[in-house]
Amino acid sequence: MKCLKIENGRGFFAQSSGEMQPIDKMTKDDILYLLSVATNPEGEFEMDSLEDHELLNEAHKIIYRSLYSKFSELLSNKTRFVEESAATYKEALDKYQE
């Protein structure tokens, strides 16, 4: 799923509805949704590369660069993150699943 994209020199993000919105309109809930997509083991999180596209809007460039960096780091460590999260909450999950 394309979650961050660059089009016509502007940055966009996918909302939970699937609609693409300008990146400078992003809210906390939108970030949480994108995090849930990025950490979903079955989900595919796609972003346009900053090397392949040019952002003309300075605000979009700053926001997109920051998000791209953070999500790239998260995605490169996705397996480790999921495993550590499961290990951290394993005891509580086992306790309450009974």
N, C-alpha and C. Protein backbone atom coordinates (compact mmCIF):
# COMPACT_ATOMS: atom_id res chain seq x y z
N MET A 1 0.85 -1.18 0.00
CA MET A 1 0.00 0.00 0.00
C MET A 1 0.89 1.23 0.00
N LYS A 2 0.63 2.15 -0.89
CA LYS A 2 1.39 3.40 -0.97
C LYS A 2 0.90 4.31 0.15
N CYS A 3 1.77 4.55 1.12
CA CYS A 3 1.38 5.35 2.30
C CYS A 3 1.92 6.77 2.24
N LEU A 4 3.08 6.95 1.63
CA LEU A 4 3.65 8.28 1.43
C LEU A 4 4.01 8.41 -0.04
N LYS A 5 3.54 9.47 -0.67
CA LYS A 5 3.88 9.63 -2.09
C LYS A 5 4.17 11.09 -2.40
N ILE A 6 4.90 11.27 -3.48
CA ILE A 6 5.25 12.60 -3.97
C ILE A 6 4.65 12.74 -5.36
N GLU A 7 3.89 13.81 -5.53
CA GLU A 7 3.23 14.04 -6.81
C GLU A 7 3.17 15.54 -7.06
N ASN A 8 3.56 15.95 -8.25
CA ASN A 8 3.54 17.37 -8.63
C ASN A 8 4.29 18.25 -7.65
N GLY A 9 5.41 17.74 -7.11
CA GLY A 9 6.25 18.52 -6.21
C GLY A 9 5.71 18.67 -4.81
N ARG A 10 4.67 17.90 -4.47
CA ARG A 10 4.06 17.97 -3.13
C ARG A 10 4.03 16.58 -2.51
N GLY A 11 4.07 16.54 -1.17
CA GLY A 11 4.01 15.27 -0.45
C GLY A 11 2.59 14.95 -0.01
N PHE A 12 2.25 13.67 -0.06
CA PHE A 12 0.92 13.21 0.34
C PHE A 12 1.05 11.97 1.22
N PHE A 13 0.03 11.73 2.04
CA PHE A 13 -0.02 10.55 2.88
C PHE A 13 -1.40 9.90 2.76
N ALA A 14 -1.46 8.61 3.06
CA ALA A 14 -2.72 7.87 3.00
C ALA A 14 -3.42 7.94 4.35
N GLN A 15 -4.68 8.32 4.33
CA GLN A 15 -5.50 8.29 5.53
C GLN A 15 -6.09 6.89 5.67
N SER A 16 -6.70 6.62 6.82
CA SER A 16 -7.29 5.30 7.06
C SER A 16 -8.40 5.00 6.04
N SER A 17 -9.00 6.05 5.48
CA SER A 17 -10.04 5.86 4.46
C SER A 17 -9.45 5.47 3.11
N GLY A 18 -8.12 5.57 2.99
CA GLY A 18 -7.45 5.28 1.73
C GLY A 18 -7.24 6.52 0.87
N GLU A 19 -7.83 7.62 1.28
CA GLU A 19 -7.70 8.88 0.54
C GLU A 19 -6.33 9.50 0.80
N MET A 20 -5.73 10.06 -0.24
CA MET A 20 -4.45 10.73 -0.10
C MET A 20 -4.69 12.21 0.23
N GLN A 21 -3.96 12.69 1.24
CA GLN A 21 -4.09 14.07 1.70
C GLN A 21 -2.71 14.74 1.69
N PRO A 22 -2.66 16.08 1.56
CA PRO A 22 -1.37 16.78 1.64
C PRO A 22 -0.71 16.51 2.99
N ILE A 23 0.58 16.33 2.96
CA ILE A 23 1.32 15.91 4.14
C ILE A 23 1.29 16.96 5.26
N ASP A 24 1.08 18.21 4.92
CA ASP A 24 1.04 19.24 5.96
C ASP A 24 -0.31 19.26 6.70
N LYS A 25 -1.24 18.42 6.30
CA LYS A 25 -2.55 18.31 6.97
C LYS A 25 -2.60 17.09 7.90
N MET A 26 -1.47 16.42 8.10
CA MET A 26 -1.41 15.20 8.89
C MET A 26 -1.67 15.49 10.37
N THR A 27 -2.46 14.59 10.99
CA THR A 27 -2.76 14.71 12.42
C THR A 27 -2.10 13.55 13.18
N LYS A 28 -2.20 13.60 14.48
CA LYS A 28 -1.67 12.53 15.32
C LYS A 28 -2.33 11.19 14.97
N ASP A 29 -3.64 11.21 14.74
CA ASP A 29 -4.35 9.98 14.39
C ASP A 29 -3.87 9.41 13.06
N ASP A 30 -3.53 10.28 12.12
CA ASP A 30 -3.01 9.82 10.84
C ASP A 30 -1.65 9.14 11.02
N ILE A 31 -0.81 9.70 11.88
CA ILE A 31 0.50 9.09 12.15
C ILE A 31 0.31 7.73 12.81
N LEU A 32 -0.61 7.64 13.75
CA LEU A 32 -0.87 6.36 14.41
C LEU A 32 -1.37 5.32 13.41
N TYR A 33 -2.21 5.75 12.48
CA TYR A 33 -2.69 4.82 11.44
C TYR A 33 -1.51 4.32 10.59
N LEU A 34 -0.65 5.23 10.16
CA LEU A 34 0.50 4.84 9.35
C LEU A 34 1.44 3.92 10.12
N LEU A 35 1.60 4.15 11.41
CA LEU A 35 2.40 3.25 12.24
C LEU A 35 1.79 1.86 12.31
N SER A 36 0.47 1.79 12.40
CA SER A 36 -0.18 0.48 12.45
C SER A 36 0.00 -0.27 11.13
N VAL A 37 -0.03 0.45 10.02
CA VAL A 37 0.21 -0.19 8.71
C VAL A 37 1.66 -0.66 8.62
N ALA A 38 2.58 0.18 9.07
CA ALA A 38 4.01 -0.15 8.98
C ALA A 38 4.40 -1.33 9.86
N THR A 39 3.74 -1.49 10.99
CA THR A 39 4.10 -2.56 11.92
C THR A 39 3.27 -3.83 11.73
N ASN A 40 2.29 -3.78 10.84
CA ASN A 40 1.47 -4.97 10.57
C ASN A 40 2.33 -5.98 9.82
N PRO A 41 2.50 -7.19 10.39
CA PRO A 41 3.36 -8.19 9.75
C PRO A 41 2.91 -8.57 8.33
N GLU A 42 1.62 -8.51 8.05
CA GLU A 42 1.12 -8.86 6.72
C GLU A 42 1.00 -7.65 5.80
N GLY A 43 1.10 -6.47 6.36
CA GLY A 43 0.91 -5.25 5.57
C GLY A 43 2.15 -4.86 4.79
N GLU A 44 1.92 -4.14 3.70
CA GLU A 44 3.02 -3.62 2.90
C GLU A 44 2.95 -2.10 2.93
N PHE A 45 4.00 -1.48 3.39
CA PHE A 45 4.08 -0.04 3.54
C PHE A 45 5.04 0.47 2.47
N GLU A 46 4.52 1.27 1.54
CA GLU A 46 5.35 1.78 0.45
C GLU A 46 5.44 3.30 0.53
N MET A 47 6.62 3.81 0.15
CA MET A 47 6.86 5.25 0.14
C MET A 47 7.63 5.61 -1.13
N ASP A 48 7.35 6.77 -1.68
CA ASP A 48 8.16 7.27 -2.78
C ASP A 48 9.50 7.74 -2.23
N SER A 49 10.56 7.41 -2.94
CA SER A 49 11.91 7.79 -2.52
C SER A 49 12.15 9.27 -2.78
N LEU A 50 12.86 9.89 -1.85
CA LEU A 50 13.23 11.30 -2.04
C LEU A 50 14.26 11.46 -3.15
N GLU A 51 14.99 10.40 -3.45
CA GLU A 51 16.00 10.45 -4.51
C GLU A 51 15.36 10.45 -5.89
N ASP A 52 14.17 9.87 -6.01
CA ASP A 52 13.51 9.73 -7.31
C ASP A 52 12.52 10.85 -7.61
N HIS A 53 12.16 11.64 -6.59
CA HIS A 53 11.15 12.67 -6.76
C HIS A 53 11.62 13.96 -6.11
N GLU A 54 11.14 15.07 -6.63
CA GLU A 54 11.52 16.37 -6.08
C GLU A 54 10.31 17.01 -5.39
N LEU A 55 10.54 17.48 -4.17
CA LEU A 55 9.50 18.22 -3.44
C LEU A 55 9.80 19.70 -3.57
N LEU A 56 8.86 20.45 -4.12
CA LEU A 56 9.05 21.87 -4.34
C LEU A 56 8.60 22.71 -3.14
N ASN A 57 7.62 22.22 -2.42
CA ASN A 57 7.10 22.91 -1.25
C ASN A 57 8.05 22.64 -0.07
N GLU A 58 8.63 23.70 0.50
CA GLU A 58 9.62 23.54 1.57
C GLU A 58 9.04 22.85 2.81
N ALA A 59 7.82 23.20 3.18
CA ALA A 59 7.19 22.56 4.35
C ALA A 59 7.00 21.07 4.10
N HIS A 60 6.55 20.73 2.91
CA HIS A 60 6.36 19.33 2.56
C HIS A 60 7.70 18.59 2.57
N LYS A 61 8.75 19.26 2.09
CA LYS A 61 10.08 18.66 2.04
C LYS A 61 10.57 18.31 3.44
N ILE A 62 10.41 19.22 4.38
CA ILE A 62 10.85 19.00 5.76
C ILE A 62 10.06 17.87 6.41
N ILE A 63 8.75 17.91 6.29
CA ILE A 63 7.89 16.88 6.90
C ILE A 63 8.14 15.53 6.25
N TYR A 64 8.16 15.49 4.93
CA TYR A 64 8.33 14.21 4.22
C TYR A 64 9.68 13.60 4.55
N ARG A 65 10.74 14.40 4.55
CA ARG A 65 12.08 13.89 4.84
C ARG A 65 12.12 13.26 6.24
N SER A 66 11.50 13.92 7.20
CA SER A 66 11.48 13.40 8.56
C SER A 66 10.70 12.09 8.64
N LEU A 67 9.50 12.08 8.06
CA LEU A 67 8.68 10.85 8.07
C LEU A 67 9.37 9.72 7.31
N TYR A 68 9.94 10.03 6.17
CA TYR A 68 10.62 9.02 5.35
C TYR A 68 11.76 8.38 6.14
N SER A 69 12.52 9.21 6.83
CA SER A 69 13.64 8.72 7.63
C SER A 69 13.17 7.79 8.75
N LYS A 70 12.17 8.22 9.48
CA LYS A 70 11.65 7.44 10.62
C LYS A 70 11.01 6.14 10.16
N PHE A 71 10.19 6.20 9.12
CA PHE A 71 9.55 4.98 8.63
C PHE A 71 10.55 4.03 7.98
N SER A 72 11.57 4.56 7.32
CA SER A 72 12.61 3.70 6.74
C SER A 72 13.33 2.93 7.84
N GLU A 73 13.65 3.62 8.92
CA GLU A 73 14.31 2.97 10.06
C GLU A 73 13.41 1.91 10.68
N LEU A 74 12.14 2.24 10.87
CA LEU A 74 11.19 1.29 11.43
C LEU A 74 11.04 0.07 10.53
N LEU A 75 10.90 0.28 9.24
CA LEU A 75 10.70 -0.83 8.31
C LEU A 75 11.94 -1.72 8.21
N SER A 76 13.12 -1.13 8.33
CA SER A 76 14.34 -1.95 8.26
C SER A 76 14.50 -2.80 9.51
N ASN A 77 13.87 -2.41 10.61
CA ASN A 77 13.93 -3.16 11.86
C ASN A 77 12.58 -3.77 12.23
N LYS A 78 11.70 -3.92 11.25
CA LYS A 78 10.33 -4.36 11.50
C LYS A 78 10.27 -5.71 12.22
N THR A 79 11.02 -6.68 11.76
CA THR A 79 10.99 -8.01 12.36
C THR A 79 11.44 -7.94 13.82
N ARG A 80 12.53 -7.24 14.06
CA ARG A 80 13.03 -7.10 15.43
C ARG A 80 12.02 -6.38 16.30
N PHE A 81 11.41 -5.33 15.78
CA PHE A 81 10.41 -4.56 16.53
C PHE A 81 9.22 -5.44 16.91
N VAL A 82 8.70 -6.21 15.96
CA VAL A 82 7.55 -7.08 16.22
C VAL A 82 7.91 -8.15 17.26
N GLU A 83 9.10 -8.75 17.12
CA GLU A 83 9.53 -9.78 18.07
C GLU A 83 9.72 -9.21 19.48
N GLU A 84 10.34 -8.03 19.58
CA GLU A 84 10.54 -7.41 20.88
C GLU A 84 9.21 -7.01 21.52
N SER A 85 8.29 -6.52 20.72
CA SER A 85 6.97 -6.16 21.24
C SER A 85 6.25 -7.38 21.77
N ALA A 86 6.31 -8.48 21.02
CA ALA A 86 5.65 -9.72 21.44
C ALA A 86 6.28 -10.24 22.72
N ALA A 87 7.60 -10.18 22.82
CA ALA A 87 8.29 -10.66 24.02
C ALA A 87 7.96 -9.80 25.23
N THR A 88 7.88 -8.51 25.04
CA THR A 88 7.59 -7.58 26.13
C THR A 88 6.22 -7.84 26.73
N TYR A 89 5.25 -8.11 25.90
CA TYR A 89 3.87 -8.27 26.36
C TYR A 89 3.41 -9.72 26.42
N LYS A 90 4.34 -10.67 26.22
CA LYS A 90 3.97 -12.09 26.20
C LYS A 90 3.33 -12.53 27.50
N GLU A 91 3.91 -12.16 28.62
CA GLU A 91 3.38 -12.58 29.92
C GLU A 91 1.96 -12.07 30.12
N ALA A 92 1.73 -10.79 29.82
CA ALA A 92 0.39 -10.22 29.98
C ALA A 92 -0.60 -10.87 29.02
N LEU A 93 -0.19 -11.09 27.78
CA LEU A 93 -1.06 -11.73 26.80
C LEU A 93 -1.43 -13.15 27.24
N ASP A 94 -0.43 -13.90 27.71
CA ASP A 94 -0.71 -15.26 28.18
C ASP A 94 -1.68 -15.25 29.36
N LYS A 95 -1.49 -14.32 30.26
CA LYS A 95 -2.31 -14.24 31.46
C LYS A 95 -3.78 -13.95 31.12
N TYR A 96 -4.00 -13.02 30.20
CA TYR A 96 -5.36 -12.59 29.92
C TYR A 96 -6.04 -13.38 28.80
N GLN A 97 -5.31 -14.23 28.10
CA GLN A 97 -5.91 -15.05 27.06
C GLN A 97 -6.54 -16.32 27.63
N GLU A 98 -6.24 -16.62 28.86
CA GLU A 98 -6.79 -17.84 29.47
C GLU A 98 -8.24 -17.70 29.84
